[in-house]
PDB file of N, CA and C in Angstrom:
ATOM      1  N   MET A   1      -4.195   6.564 -21.660  1.00  0.00           N
ATOM      2  CA  MET A   1      -3.915   6.674 -23.076  1.00  0.00           C
ATOM      3  C   MET A   1      -2.406   6.837 -23.253  1.00  0.00           C
ATOM      4  N   GLY A   2      -1.738   5.806 -23.739  1.00  0.00           N
ATOM      5  CA  GLY A   2      -0.299   5.840 -23.920  1.00  0.00           C
ATOM      6  C   GLY A   2       0.095   6.274 -25.322  1.00  0.00           C
ATOM      7  N   ILE A   3       1.355   6.590 -25.452  1.00  0.00           N
ATOM      8  CA  ILE A   3       1.884   6.992 -26.749  1.00  0.00           C
ATOM      9  C   ILE A   3       2.431   5.764 -27.452  1.00  0.00           C
ATOM     10  N   ASP A   4       2.039   5.557 -28.693  1.00  0.00           N
ATOM     11  CA  ASP A   4       2.513   4.425 -29.480  1.00  0.00           C
ATOM     12  C   ASP A   4       3.779   4.835 -30.227  1.00  0.00           C
ATOM     13  N   THR A   5       4.914   4.276 -29.822  1.00  0.00           N
ATOM     14  CA  THR A   5       6.184   4.582 -30.478  1.00  0.00           C
ATOM     15  C   THR A   5       6.661   3.420 -31.351  1.00  0.00           C
ATOM     16  N   GLY A   6       5.855   2.409 -31.485  1.00  0.00           N
ATOM     17  CA  GLY A   6       6.249   1.222 -32.241  1.00  0.00           C
ATOM     18  C   GLY A   6       6.591   1.498 -33.699  1.00  0.00           C
ATOM     19  N   GLY A   7       5.837   2.373 -34.331  1.00  0.00           N
ATOM     20  CA  GLY A   7       6.069   2.645 -35.741  1.00  0.00           C
ATOM     21  C   GLY A   7       7.376   3.367 -36.017  1.00  0.00           C
ATOM     22  N   ILE A   8       7.792   4.228 -35.122  1.00  0.00           N
ATOM     23  CA  ILE A   8       9.007   5.013 -35.352  1.00  0.00           C
ATOM     24  C   ILE A   8      10.239   4.350 -34.726  1.00  0.00           C
ATOM     25  N   SER A   9      10.059   3.613 -33.654  1.00  0.00           N
ATOM     26  CA  SER A   9      11.215   3.037 -32.954  1.00  0.00           C
ATOM     27  C   SER A   9      11.948   2.009 -33.796  1.00  0.00           C
ATOM     28  N   CYS A  10      11.241   1.337 -34.681  1.00  0.00           N
ATOM     29  CA  CYS A  10      11.907   0.326 -35.508  1.00  0.00           C
ATOM     30  C   CYS A  10      13.041   0.939 -36.319  1.00  0.00           C
ATOM     31  N   CYS A  11      12.809   2.106 -36.863  1.00  0.00           N
ATOM     32  CA  CYS A  11      13.825   2.766 -37.707  1.00  0.00           C
ATOM     33  C   CYS A  11      14.929   3.387 -36.870  1.00  0.00           C
ATOM     34  N   PHE A  12      14.578   4.107 -35.821  1.00  0.00           N
ATOM     35  CA  PHE A  12      15.577   4.781 -35.006  1.00  0.00           C
ATOM     36  C   PHE A  12      16.393   3.804 -34.182  1.00  0.00           C
ATOM     37  N   ASP A  13      15.810   2.720 -33.738  1.00  0.00           N
ATOM     38  CA  ASP A  13      16.560   1.717 -32.979  1.00  0.00           C
ATOM     39  C   ASP A  13      17.670   1.122 -33.839  1.00  0.00           C
ATOM     40  N   GLN A  14      17.357   0.774 -35.069  1.00  0.00           N
ATOM     41  CA  GLN A  14      18.363   0.207 -35.973  1.00  0.00           C
ATOM     42  C   GLN A  14      19.446   1.229 -36.303  1.00  0.00           C
ATOM     43  N   GLU A  15      19.041   2.454 -36.550  1.00  0.00           N
ATOM     44  CA  GLU A  15      20.003   3.504 -36.894  1.00  0.00           C
ATOM     45  C   GLU A  15      20.921   3.806 -35.713  1.00  0.00           C
ATOM     46  N   SER A  16      20.375   3.865 -34.507  1.00  0.00           N
ATOM     47  CA  SER A  16      21.214   4.157 -33.341  1.00  0.00           C
ATOM     48  C   SER A  16      22.209   3.025 -33.079  1.00  0.00           C
ATOM     49  N   GLN A  17      21.820   1.801 -33.340  1.00  0.00           N
ATOM     50  CA  GLN A  17      22.749   0.680 -33.191  1.00  0.00           C
ATOM     51  C   GLN A  17      23.886   0.783 -34.200  1.00  0.00           C
ATOM     52  N   ARG A  18      23.581   1.178 -35.436  1.00  0.00           N
ATOM     53  CA  ARG A  18      24.607   1.355 -36.461  1.00  0.00           C
ATOM     54  C   ARG A  18      25.561   2.483 -36.075  1.00  0.00           C
ATOM     55  N   MET A  19      25.011   3.586 -35.579  1.00  0.00           N
ATOM     56  CA  MET A  19      25.839   4.725 -35.183  1.00  0.00           C
ATOM     57  C   MET A  19      26.768   4.358 -34.026  1.00  0.00           C
ATOM     58  N   LEU A  20      26.268   3.572 -33.090  1.00  0.00           N
ATOM     59  CA  LEU A  20      27.098   3.146 -31.961  1.00  0.00           C
ATOM     60  C   LEU A  20      28.233   2.246 -32.439  1.00  0.00           C
ATOM     61  N   ARG A  21      27.945   1.323 -33.344  1.00  0.00           N
ATOM     62  CA  ARG A  21      29.004   0.465 -33.904  1.00  0.00           C
ATOM     63  C   ARG A  21      30.073   1.303 -34.598  1.00  0.00           C
ATOM     64  N   ASP A  22      29.640   2.273 -35.399  1.00  0.00           N
ATOM     65  CA  ASP A  22      30.576   3.143 -36.106  1.00  0.00           C
ATOM     66  C   ASP A  22      31.440   3.932 -35.126  1.00  0.00           C
ATOM     67  N   TYR A  23      30.821   4.458 -34.072  1.00  0.00           N
ATOM     68  CA  TYR A  23      31.561   5.232 -33.071  1.00  0.00           C
ATOM     69  C   TYR A  23      32.601   4.361 -32.379  1.00  0.00           C
ATOM     70  N   ARG A  24      32.201   3.168 -31.995  1.00  0.00           N
ATOM     71  CA  ARG A  24      33.138   2.266 -31.313  1.00  0.00           C
ATOM     72  C   ARG A  24      34.304   1.890 -32.229  1.00  0.00           C
ATOM     73  N   LYS A  25      34.043   1.771 -33.520  1.00  0.00           N
ATOM     74  CA  LYS A  25      35.074   1.381 -34.471  1.00  0.00           C
ATOM     75  C   LYS A  25      35.993   2.546 -34.837  1.00  0.00           C
ATOM     76  N   SER A  26      35.410   3.723 -35.059  1.00  0.00           N
ATOM     77  CA  SER A  26      36.173   4.830 -35.642  1.00  0.00           C
ATOM     78  C   SER A  26      36.259   6.087 -34.781  1.00  0.00           C
ATOM     79  N   GLY A  27      35.549   6.128 -33.664  1.00  0.00           N
ATOM     80  CA  GLY A  27      35.563   7.346 -32.842  1.00  0.00           C
ATOM     81  C   GLY A  27      34.603   8.385 -33.391  1.00  0.00           C
ATOM     82  N   LEU A  28      34.875   9.638 -33.051  1.00  0.00           N
ATOM     83  CA  LEU A  28      34.001  10.722 -33.477  1.00  0.00           C
ATOM     84  C   LEU A  28      33.973  10.830 -34.994  1.00  0.00           C
ATOM     85  N   GLY A  29      32.834  11.258 -35.495  1.00  0.00           N
ATOM     86  CA  GLY A  29      32.681  11.469 -36.923  1.00  0.00           C
ATOM     87  C   GLY A  29      33.306  12.785 -37.359  1.00  0.00           C
ATOM     88  N   GLU A  30      33.344  13.011 -38.657  1.00  0.00           N
ATOM     89  CA  GLU A  30      33.995  14.190 -39.223  1.00  0.00           C
ATOM     90  C   GLU A  30      33.402  15.496 -38.683  1.00  0.00           C
ATOM     91  N   THR A  31      32.088  15.587 -38.638  1.00  0.00           N
ATOM     92  CA  THR A  31      31.446  16.809 -38.159  1.00  0.00           C
ATOM     93  C   THR A  31      31.776  17.069 -36.699  1.00  0.00           C
ATOM     94  N   SER A  32      31.713  16.029 -35.874  1.00  0.00           N
ATOM     95  CA  SER A  32      32.031  16.190 -34.452  1.00  0.00           C
ATOM     96  C   SER A  32      33.481  16.613 -34.254  1.00  0.00           C
ATOM     97  N   LEU A  33      34.386  16.058 -35.061  1.00  0.00           N
ATOM     98  CA  LEU A  33      35.796  16.443 -34.968  1.00  0.00           C
ATOM     99  C   LEU A  33      36.001  17.901 -35.373  1.00  0.00           C
ATOM    100  N   LEU A  34      35.293  18.350 -36.402  1.00  0.00           N
ATOM    101  CA  LEU A  34      35.384  19.747 -36.821  1.00  0.00           C
ATOM    102  C   LEU A  34      34.883  20.688 -35.726  1.00  0.00           C
ATOM    103  N   ILE A  35      33.783  20.330 -35.096  1.00  0.00           N
ATOM    104  CA  ILE A  35      33.235  21.146 -34.010  1.00  0.00           C
ATOM    105  C   ILE A  35      34.212  21.193 -32.845  1.00  0.00           C
ATOM    106  N   ALA A  36      34.737  20.040 -32.440  1.00  0.00           N
ATOM    107  CA  ALA A  36      35.679  19.980 -31.322  1.00  0.00           C
ATOM    108  C   ALA A  36      36.929  20.801 -31.621  1.00  0.00           C
ATOM    109  N   ASP A  37      37.429  20.721 -32.843  1.00  0.00           N
ATOM    110  CA  ASP A  37      38.615  21.473 -33.231  1.00  0.00           C
ATOM    111  C   ASP A  37      38.342  22.976 -33.201  1.00  0.00           C
ATOM    112  N   ALA A  38      37.207  23.394 -33.736  1.00  0.00           N
ATOM    113  CA  ALA A  38      36.855  24.819 -33.740  1.00  0.00           C
ATOM    114  C   ALA A  38      36.707  25.354 -32.330  1.00  0.00           C
ATOM    115  N   LEU A  39      36.106  24.565 -31.440  1.00  0.00           N
ATOM    116  CA  LEU A  39      35.949  25.004 -30.058  1.00  0.00           C
ATOM    117  C   LEU A  39      37.300  25.096 -29.348  1.00  0.00           C
ATOM    118  N   ALA A  40      38.171  24.137 -29.620  1.00  0.00           N
ATOM    119  CA  ALA A  40      39.494  24.144 -28.995  1.00  0.00           C
ATOM    120  C   ALA A  40      40.307  25.357 -29.442  1.00  0.00           C
ATOM    121  N   LYS A  41      40.150  25.760 -30.687  1.00  0.00           N
ATOM    122  CA  LYS A  41      40.885  26.910 -31.225  1.00  0.00           C
ATOM    123  C   LYS A  41      40.226  28.244 -30.887  1.00  0.00           C
ATOM    124  N   GLY A  42      39.008  28.182 -30.343  1.00  0.00           N
ATOM    125  CA  GLY A  42      38.240  29.402 -30.107  1.00  0.00           C
ATOM    126  C   GLY A  42      38.540  30.117 -28.817  1.00  0.00           C
ATOM    127  N   GLY A  43      39.526  29.632 -28.066  1.00  0.00           N
ATOM    128  CA  GLY A  43      39.858  30.302 -26.815  1.00  0.00           C
ATOM    129  C   GLY A  43      38.734  30.253 -25.799  1.00  0.00           C
ATOM    130  N   LEU A  44      38.154  29.116 -25.663  1.00  0.00           N
ATOM    131  CA  LEU A  44      36.996  28.979 -24.778  1.00  0.00           C
ATOM    132  C   LEU A  44      37.346  28.293 -23.457  1.00  0.00           C
ATOM    133  N   ASP A  45      38.602  28.355 -23.052  1.00  0.00           N
ATOM    134  CA  ASP A  45      38.994  27.730 -21.787  1.00  0.00           C
ATOM    135  C   ASP A  45      38.125  28.247 -20.648  1.00  0.00           C
ATOM    136  N   GLY A  46      37.626  27.323 -19.853  1.00  0.00           N
ATOM    137  CA  GLY A  46      36.797  27.677 -18.713  1.00  0.00           C
ATOM    138  C   GLY A  46      35.337  27.900 -19.059  1.00  0.00           C
ATOM    139  N   SER A  47      34.990  27.808 -20.325  1.00  0.00           N
ATOM    140  CA  SER A  47      33.607  28.007 -20.737  1.00  0.00           C
ATOM    141  C   SER A  47      32.819  26.705 -20.625  1.00  0.00           C
ATOM    142  N   THR A  48      31.542  26.840 -20.597  1.00  0.00           N
ATOM    143  CA  THR A  48      30.647  25.691 -20.632  1.00  0.00           C
ATOM    144  C   THR A  48      30.016  25.634 -22.017  1.00  0.00           C
ATOM    145  N   ILE A  49      30.067  24.466 -22.624  1.00  0.00           N
ATOM    146  CA  ILE A  49      29.504  24.272 -23.960  1.00  0.00           C
ATOM    147  C   ILE A  49      28.402  23.227 -23.872  1.00  0.00           C
ATOM    148  N   LEU A  50      27.266  23.526 -24.458  1.00  0.00           N
ATOM    149  CA  LEU A  50      26.171  22.568 -24.543  1.00  0.00           C
ATOM    150  C   LEU A  50      25.976  22.223 -26.006  1.00  0.00           C
ATOM    151  N   GLU A  51      26.240  20.987 -26.346  1.00  0.00           N
ATOM    152  CA  GLU A  51      26.061  20.513 -27.711  1.00  0.00           C
ATOM    153  C   GLU A  51      24.816  19.637 -27.717  1.00  0.00           C
ATOM    154  N   ILE A  52      23.812  20.097 -28.417  1.00  0.00           N
ATOM    155  CA  ILE A  52      22.560  19.343 -28.495  1.00  0.00           C
ATOM    156  C   ILE A  52      22.566  18.610 -29.824  1.00  0.00           C
ATOM    157  N   GLY A  53      23.025  17.379 -29.776  1.00  0.00           N
ATOM    158  CA  GLY A  53      23.155  16.599 -31.001  1.00  0.00           C
ATOM    159  C   GLY A  53      22.094  15.518 -31.091  1.00  0.00           C
ATOM    160  N   CYS A  54      22.137  14.825 -32.150  1.00  0.00           N
ATOM    161  CA  CYS A  54      21.203  13.731 -32.387  1.00  0.00           C
ATOM    162  C   CYS A  54      21.981  12.446 -32.622  1.00  0.00           C
ATOM    163  N   GLY A  55      22.907  12.183 -31.724  1.00  0.00           N
ATOM    164  CA  GLY A  55      23.716  10.987 -31.853  1.00  0.00           C
ATOM    165  C   GLY A  55      22.918   9.740 -31.553  1.00  0.00           C
ATOM    166  N   PHE A  56      23.621   8.678 -31.292  1.00  0.00           N
ATOM    167  CA  PHE A  56      22.972   7.390 -31.120  1.00  0.00           C
ATOM    168  C   PHE A  56      22.229   7.252 -29.802  1.00  0.00           C
ATOM    169  N   GLY A  57      22.469   8.142 -28.867  1.00  0.00           N
ATOM    170  CA  GLY A  57      21.678   8.189 -27.651  1.00  0.00           C
ATOM    171  C   GLY A  57      21.924   7.064 -26.671  1.00  0.00           C
ATOM    172  N   SER A  58      23.031   6.403 -26.787  1.00  0.00           N
ATOM    173  CA  SER A  58      23.321   5.299 -25.870  1.00  0.00           C
ATOM    174  C   SER A  58      24.000   5.806 -24.616  1.00  0.00           C
ATOM    175  N   THR A  59      23.648   5.239 -23.505  1.00  0.00           N
ATOM    176  CA  THR A  59      24.356   5.560 -22.262  1.00  0.00           C
ATOM    177  C   THR A  59      25.378   4.488 -21.957  1.00  0.00           C
ATOM    178  N   ARG A  60      25.460   3.492 -22.810  1.00  0.00           N
ATOM    179  CA  ARG A  60      26.387   2.381 -22.600  1.00  0.00           C
ATOM    180  C   ARG A  60      27.406   2.334 -23.739  1.00  0.00           C
ATOM    181  N   LEU A  61      28.540   2.995 -23.536  1.00  0.00           N
ATOM    182  CA  LEU A  61      29.577   3.011 -24.557  1.00  0.00           C
ATOM    183  C   LEU A  61      30.493   1.874 -24.285  1.00  0.00           C
TER     184      LEU A  61
END
């Protein structure tokens, strides 16, 4: 018994492709830049940060 992802993949596949195009064209988005800036100013040198985001999910940039 397999999982049917056909109904949801159509929407997320298109959205992830759009997000990847935007990233390649413009780099990080406003929210990601704000997070990166806040972390850089937070004195976190040597720390490990785990950002669990919902980006485009591509392994091929």
